[in-house]
Amino acid sequence: MSPTLTILGCGSALPTRQHFPSSQIVEMRDKQYMIDCGEGTQIRMRQMGLKVARLGHIFISHLHGDHVFGLIGLISSFGMLNRTADLHIHAAPDLEKMLQPQLDFFCEGLPFNVIFHHINPRAHELVHEDRSVEVYSIPLKHRVPSCGFLFREKARDRHIRRDMIDFYNIPTWRIPKIKQGENFEMPDGEIIPNERLTTMPEKPKSYAYCSDTAYSEKIIPIIEGVDCLYHEATFMQNEAVRAKSTMHSTAAQAATIALKANVGKLIIGHYSARYNHKNGLLNEALAVFEKTIAAEDMSVYEI
């Protein structure tokens, strides 16, 4: 199953009728990872009928309210739903300082543990790893320390051919090693090459989330060649001065980063509430990078 991106909210500071503040879920290898948790996140989850039993990690890009105001409500609801699995939150250290008193006051007796993992938003480093995915921080340029996140699938095992198992009478206990690339030795000593027994696995996918940030080419070496890039596009180019002063990006700037980084496709979001329609933002980005999609709340995209 290909990795997917579910957009729960792709607006900026002020919620609108069309867009809630930032939140999304990346699904890779049957696991779910949330990025940011703006106000209304759990409402969008309910509206979409999302099942999040496999959601174990939440990554927070920075400590502006439109990226964290939904977190305490989500955790509280998880408690009422009798969640028992630990919830891991990856964020700058100040989030724990702010959130822990709220957890103590509103969420006493949670049936699960909330575990904080401190990250340095100014560093590009590995912040989480499991059997199938690596997650790296991407230092961004914003008014407060901010980082994006790069998700990289690990290489999959090769696919073993059922007909070859039967033909060579391969015992079950040998199959895992063959999937990992080993040859098979027959009882008479003949070596059967792995290429005859298996087929290539799917190419690992990669996804980069870059919001909130001013235009910064420093991220290009980190996100070079990713399959999918989500980059904020708060303003159109005629608001470039305001974008610079607030340390946000225009749609054209987001597309320029995508072009220079040679990404597979670009999804723009984090729209200013001043835009009732996204056509102007999308067209501006498309003029620079043709593989651009304008994010929509409650939409699912293949990475």
Protein backbone atom coordinates (compact mmCIF):
# COMPACT_ATOMS: atom_id res chain seq x y z
CA MET A 1 0.00 0.00 0.00
CA SER A 2 1.42 3.37 -1.03
CA PRO A 3 2.01 5.97 1.68
CA THR A 4 -0.71 8.61 1.96
CA LEU A 5 -1.11 12.13 3.28
CA THR A 6 -4.41 13.15 4.90
CA ILE A 7 -4.97 16.89 5.22
CA LEU A 8 -7.02 17.71 8.33
CA GLY A 9 -6.34 21.45 8.14
CA CYS A 10 -4.36 23.57 5.69
CA GLY A 11 -5.25 27.11 6.73
CA SER A 12 -3.09 29.58 8.61
CA ALA A 13 -3.74 31.44 11.86
CA LEU A 14 -7.44 32.22 11.46
CA PRO A 15 -9.84 29.33 10.78
CA THR A 16 -12.20 29.87 7.84
CA ARG A 17 -15.26 28.08 6.56
CA GLN A 18 -13.07 26.19 4.11
CA HIS A 19 -9.90 25.61 6.10
CA PHE A 20 -9.02 24.70 9.67
CA PRO A 21 -5.51 25.39 11.02
CA SER A 22 -2.59 23.08 10.29
CA SER A 23 -2.76 19.36 10.90
CA GLN A 24 -2.15 16.29 8.79
CA ILE A 25 -1.57 12.57 9.06
CA VAL A 26 1.13 10.69 7.19
CA GLU A 27 0.45 6.98 6.81
CA MET A 28 3.43 4.75 6.02
CA ARG A 29 3.75 1.00 6.37
CA ASP A 30 0.48 0.67 8.30
CA LYS A 31 1.51 3.31 10.85
CA GLN A 32 0.12 6.81 11.30
CA TYR A 33 2.11 9.92 12.18
CA MET A 34 0.47 13.28 12.87
CA ILE A 35 2.18 16.55 11.98
CA ASP A 36 0.94 19.58 13.91
CA CYS A 37 -2.38 19.70 15.73
CA GLY A 38 -4.19 22.97 15.21
CA GLU A 39 -7.58 23.85 16.66
CA GLY A 40 -10.32 21.61 15.28
CA THR A 41 -8.07 18.68 14.40
CA GLN A 42 -10.22 16.12 16.16
CA ILE A 43 -13.36 17.60 14.59
CA ARG A 44 -11.92 16.99 11.13
CA MET A 45 -10.98 13.46 12.19
CA ARG A 46 -14.58 12.84 13.25
CA GLN A 47 -15.96 14.36 10.06
CA MET A 48 -13.76 12.04 8.00
CA GLY A 49 -14.48 8.99 10.14
CA LEU A 50 -10.76 8.42 10.60
CA LYS A 51 -9.61 5.45 12.63
CA VAL A 52 -6.41 6.38 14.44
CA ALA A 53 -5.61 3.27 16.45
CA ARG A 54 -2.24 3.20 14.66
CA LEU A 55 -1.42 6.83 15.52
CA GLY A 56 1.48 6.70 17.97
CA HIS A 57 3.54 9.80 17.23
CA ILE A 58 2.74 13.51 16.88
CA PHE A 59 5.35 15.90 15.48
CA ILE A 60 4.99 19.62 16.26
CA SER A 61 6.77 22.02 13.92
CA HIS A 62 6.74 25.10 16.17
CA LEU A 63 4.95 26.70 19.08
CA HIS A 64 2.47 29.01 17.41
CA GLY A 65 -1.11 28.42 18.50
CA ASP A 66 -2.48 27.48 15.09
CA HIS A 67 -0.19 24.44 15.18
CA VAL A 68 -0.80 23.26 18.77
CA PHE A 69 -4.17 24.49 20.09
CA GLY A 70 -5.85 21.19 19.21
CA LEU A 71 -3.43 19.01 21.11
CA ILE A 72 -4.88 19.08 24.63
CA GLY A 73 -8.38 18.41 23.30
CA LEU A 74 -7.20 15.48 21.22
CA ILE A 75 -5.35 13.93 24.15
CA SER A 76 -8.37 14.41 26.41
CA SER A 77 -10.62 12.69 23.88
CA PHE A 78 -8.19 9.81 23.54
CA GLY A 79 -8.56 9.36 27.28
CA MET A 80 -12.36 9.30 27.10
CA LEU A 81 -12.10 6.72 24.31
CA ASN A 82 -10.01 4.51 26.64
CA ARG A 83 -6.88 4.57 24.54
CA THR A 84 -4.15 2.52 26.22
CA ALA A 85 -1.22 2.84 23.80
CA ASP A 86 1.47 5.37 24.67
CA LEU A 87 1.38 8.65 22.75
CA HIS A 88 4.73 10.14 21.76
CA ILE A 89 5.02 13.88 21.14
CA HIS A 90 8.08 15.24 19.36
CA ALA A 91 8.55 18.98 19.83
CA ALA A 92 10.73 21.75 21.18
CA PRO A 93 11.21 21.45 24.98
CA ASP A 94 8.93 24.41 25.76
CA LEU A 95 5.88 22.47 24.59
CA GLU A 96 6.20 20.05 27.50
CA LYS A 97 6.50 22.98 29.91
CA MET A 98 3.26 24.46 28.58
CA LEU A 99 1.31 21.25 28.06
CA GLN A 100 2.16 19.33 31.23
CA PRO A 101 0.15 21.66 33.55
CA GLN A 102 -2.86 21.28 31.24
CA LEU A 103 -2.47 17.51 31.26
CA ASP A 104 -2.28 17.53 35.06
CA PHE A 105 -5.39 19.71 35.34
CA PHE A 106 -7.65 18.41 32.54
CA CYS A 107 -6.40 14.87 31.92
CA GLU A 108 -5.72 13.36 35.32
CA GLY A 109 -5.87 9.58 35.23
CA LEU A 110 -5.25 9.08 31.52
CA PRO A 111 -5.18 5.36 30.69
CA PHE A 112 -2.05 5.90 28.57
CA ASN A 113 1.27 7.68 28.87
CA VAL A 114 2.08 10.93 27.07
CA ILE A 115 5.80 10.79 26.37
CA PHE A 116 7.65 13.92 25.26
CA HIS A 117 10.69 13.76 23.01
CA HIS A 118 12.58 17.04 22.84
CA ILE A 119 13.88 18.14 19.46
CA ASN A 120 16.10 21.03 18.44
CA PRO A 121 14.26 22.96 15.69
CA ARG A 122 17.53 24.56 14.59
CA ALA A 123 19.22 21.24 13.79
CA HIS A 124 18.84 18.76 10.96
CA GLU A 125 18.91 15.42 12.72
CA LEU A 126 17.17 12.09 13.13
CA VAL A 127 14.27 12.60 15.56
CA HIS A 128 12.49 9.25 15.27
CA GLU A 129 13.17 5.82 13.84
CA ASP A 130 11.24 2.58 13.80
CA ARG A 131 11.44 -0.61 11.76
CA SER A 132 10.14 0.97 8.58
CA VAL A 133 10.50 4.78 8.74
CA GLU A 134 13.08 7.43 9.61
CA VAL A 135 12.01 10.98 10.49
CA TYR A 136 14.41 13.92 10.31
CA SER A 137 13.98 17.54 11.37
CA ILE A 138 14.35 20.30 8.77
CA PRO A 139 15.40 23.70 10.20
CA LEU A 140 13.06 26.39 8.86
CA LYS A 141 13.10 30.18 8.87
CA HIS A 142 10.33 31.67 11.00
CA ARG A 143 9.64 34.14 13.81
CA VAL A 144 10.05 31.43 16.42
CA PRO A 145 12.21 28.30 16.22
CA SER A 146 10.52 26.11 13.63
CA CYS A 147 11.30 22.89 11.84
CA GLY A 148 9.78 20.78 9.16
CA PHE A 149 9.92 17.01 9.01
CA LEU A 150 11.32 14.60 6.44
CA PHE A 151 9.82 11.11 6.40
CA ARG A 152 11.83 8.42 4.63
CA GLU A 153 10.69 4.84 4.22
CA LYS A 154 13.36 2.25 4.81
CA ALA A 155 14.08 -0.22 2.03
CA ARG A 156 11.58 -3.04 1.88
CA ASP A 157 12.48 -6.73 1.70
CA ARG A 158 12.48 -8.30 -1.75
CA HIS A 159 9.38 -10.24 -2.84
CA ILE A 160 9.91 -14.00 -2.94
CA ARG A 161 8.32 -15.89 -5.83
CA ARG A 162 5.87 -18.56 -4.74
CA ASP A 163 6.62 -20.69 -7.81
CA MET A 164 10.33 -20.72 -6.90
CA ILE A 165 9.56 -21.81 -3.33
CA ASP A 166 7.70 -24.81 -4.71
CA PHE A 167 10.16 -25.53 -7.53
CA TYR A 168 13.23 -25.61 -5.27
CA ASN A 169 11.37 -26.92 -2.21
CA ILE A 170 12.65 -24.03 -0.08
CA PRO A 171 11.97 -24.57 3.64
CA THR A 172 9.95 -21.91 5.40
CA TRP A 173 12.75 -20.99 7.79
CA ARG A 174 14.98 -19.90 4.89
CA ILE A 175 12.47 -17.48 3.37
CA PRO A 176 13.18 -14.41 5.60
CA LYS A 177 16.90 -14.46 4.72
CA ILE A 178 16.15 -14.91 1.02
CA LYS A 179 13.84 -11.88 1.16
CA GLN A 180 16.78 -9.95 2.61
CA GLY A 181 18.95 -10.88 -0.38
CA GLU A 182 20.61 -14.21 0.42
CA ASN A 183 21.10 -16.91 -2.21
CA PHE A 184 19.75 -20.42 -1.63
CA GLU A 185 22.00 -23.46 -1.43
CA MET A 186 20.49 -26.74 -2.64
CA PRO A 187 21.22 -30.02 -0.79
CA ASP A 188 23.65 -30.98 -3.59
CA GLY A 189 25.57 -27.71 -3.15
CA GLU A 190 24.14 -25.86 -6.16
CA ILE A 191 23.70 -22.13 -5.47
CA ILE A 192 20.46 -20.59 -6.66
CA PRO A 193 20.97 -16.82 -7.10
CA ASN A 194 18.64 -14.52 -5.23
CA GLU A 195 17.62 -12.74 -8.44
CA ARG A 196 15.98 -15.95 -9.65
CA LEU A 197 14.04 -16.41 -6.41
CA THR A 198 12.80 -12.89 -5.76
CA THR A 199 11.60 -9.70 -7.42
CA MET A 200 12.44 -6.10 -6.59
CA PRO A 201 10.44 -4.42 -3.80
CA GLU A 202 8.62 -1.13 -4.23
CA LYS A 203 10.88 1.93 -4.19
CA PRO A 204 10.88 3.57 -0.73
CA LYS A 205 8.92 6.84 -0.64
CA SER A 206 9.83 10.13 0.98
CA TYR A 207 7.77 13.09 2.16
CA ALA A 208 8.81 16.52 3.42
CA TYR A 209 6.69 18.97 5.43
CA CYS A 210 7.90 22.58 5.43
CA SER A 211 5.68 24.96 7.37
CA ASP A 212 5.89 27.62 8.72
CA THR A 213 8.81 29.22 6.95
CA ALA A 214 10.01 32.16 4.94
CA TYR A 215 11.69 31.38 1.63
CA SER A 216 14.93 29.54 2.40
CA GLU A 217 17.14 27.71 -0.06
CA LYS A 218 19.03 26.16 2.87
CA ILE A 219 16.42 23.39 2.99
CA ILE A 220 17.01 22.32 -0.62
CA PRO A 221 19.87 19.85 0.08
CA ILE A 222 17.75 18.19 2.78
CA ILE A 223 14.60 17.74 0.69
CA GLU A 224 16.34 17.11 -2.65
CA GLY A 225 14.39 14.60 -4.74
CA VAL A 226 11.62 13.78 -2.26
CA ASP A 227 8.55 12.18 -3.78
CA CYS A 228 6.21 14.75 -2.24
CA LEU A 229 6.79 18.16 -0.66
CA TYR A 230 4.23 20.07 1.38
CA HIS A 231 5.36 23.69 1.52
CA GLU A 232 3.49 26.61 3.01
CA ALA A 233 2.13 29.20 0.56
CA THR A 234 0.50 31.72 2.85
CA PHE A 235 0.43 34.61 0.37
CA MET A 236 0.48 35.44 -3.32
CA GLN A 237 3.47 37.22 -4.79
CA ASN A 238 1.80 40.65 -4.65
CA GLU A 239 2.02 40.27 -0.86
CA ALA A 240 5.73 39.38 -0.94
CA VAL A 241 6.64 42.26 1.38
CA ARG A 242 4.14 41.06 3.96
CA ALA A 243 5.33 37.48 3.52
CA LYS A 244 8.88 38.57 4.25
CA SER A 245 7.92 40.64 7.30
CA THR A 246 5.86 37.82 8.82
CA MET A 247 8.42 35.19 7.72
CA HIS A 248 6.07 33.25 5.51
CA SER A 249 6.28 32.18 1.86
CA THR A 250 4.38 33.03 -1.29
CA ALA A 251 3.01 30.38 -3.64
CA ALA A 252 5.65 31.28 -6.23
CA GLN A 253 8.40 30.89 -3.62
CA ALA A 254 7.08 27.48 -2.56
CA ALA A 255 7.10 26.39 -6.19
CA THR A 256 10.64 27.71 -6.67
CA ILE A 257 11.84 25.57 -3.77
CA ALA A 258 10.08 22.54 -5.32
CA LEU A 259 11.68 23.23 -8.69
CA LYS A 260 15.20 23.72 -7.33
CA ALA A 261 14.89 20.64 -5.10
CA ASN A 262 13.64 18.51 -8.01
CA VAL A 263 10.78 17.03 -5.99
CA GLY A 264 8.22 14.65 -7.43
CA LYS A 265 5.24 16.85 -6.63
CA LEU A 266 4.35 19.87 -4.54
CA ILE A 267 1.34 20.36 -2.29
CA ILE A 268 0.82 23.95 -1.16
CA GLY A 269 -1.12 24.96 1.94
CA HIS A 270 -1.26 27.21 5.03
CA TYR A 271 -3.37 29.74 3.15
CA SER A 272 -4.03 33.20 4.55
CA ALA A 273 -7.65 33.75 5.55
CA ARG A 274 -7.75 36.70 3.11
CA TYR A 275 -8.13 34.31 0.16
CA ASN A 276 -11.64 33.03 -0.40
CA HIS A 277 -10.45 30.96 -3.33
CA LYS A 278 -7.16 29.18 -3.93
CA ASN A 279 -7.08 29.56 -7.71
CA GLY A 280 -4.74 32.54 -7.61
CA LEU A 281 -2.31 30.75 -5.29
CA LEU A 282 -2.43 27.57 -7.34
CA ASN A 283 -1.97 29.32 -10.69
CA GLU A 284 0.97 31.29 -9.32
CA ALA A 285 2.66 28.08 -8.21
CA LEU A 286 1.82 26.21 -11.41
CA ALA A 287 3.54 28.91 -13.46
CA VAL A 288 6.80 27.91 -11.73
CA PHE A 289 6.30 24.20 -11.00
CA GLU A 290 3.72 22.30 -13.00
CA LYS A 291 3.37 19.35 -10.62
CA THR A 292 1.60 21.44 -7.97
CA ILE A 293 -1.56 20.58 -6.04
CA ALA A 294 -3.50 22.99 -3.82
CA ALA A 295 -4.29 21.22 -0.55
CA GLU A 296 -7.91 20.87 0.58
CA ASP A 297 -9.11 20.07 4.08
CA MET A 298 -10.28 16.48 4.46
CA SER A 299 -8.48 15.32 1.32
CA VAL A 300 -6.17 12.32 0.96
CA TYR A 301 -3.18 12.33 -1.39
CA GLU A 302 -0.82 9.58 -2.43
CA ILE A 303 2.78 10.38 -1.56
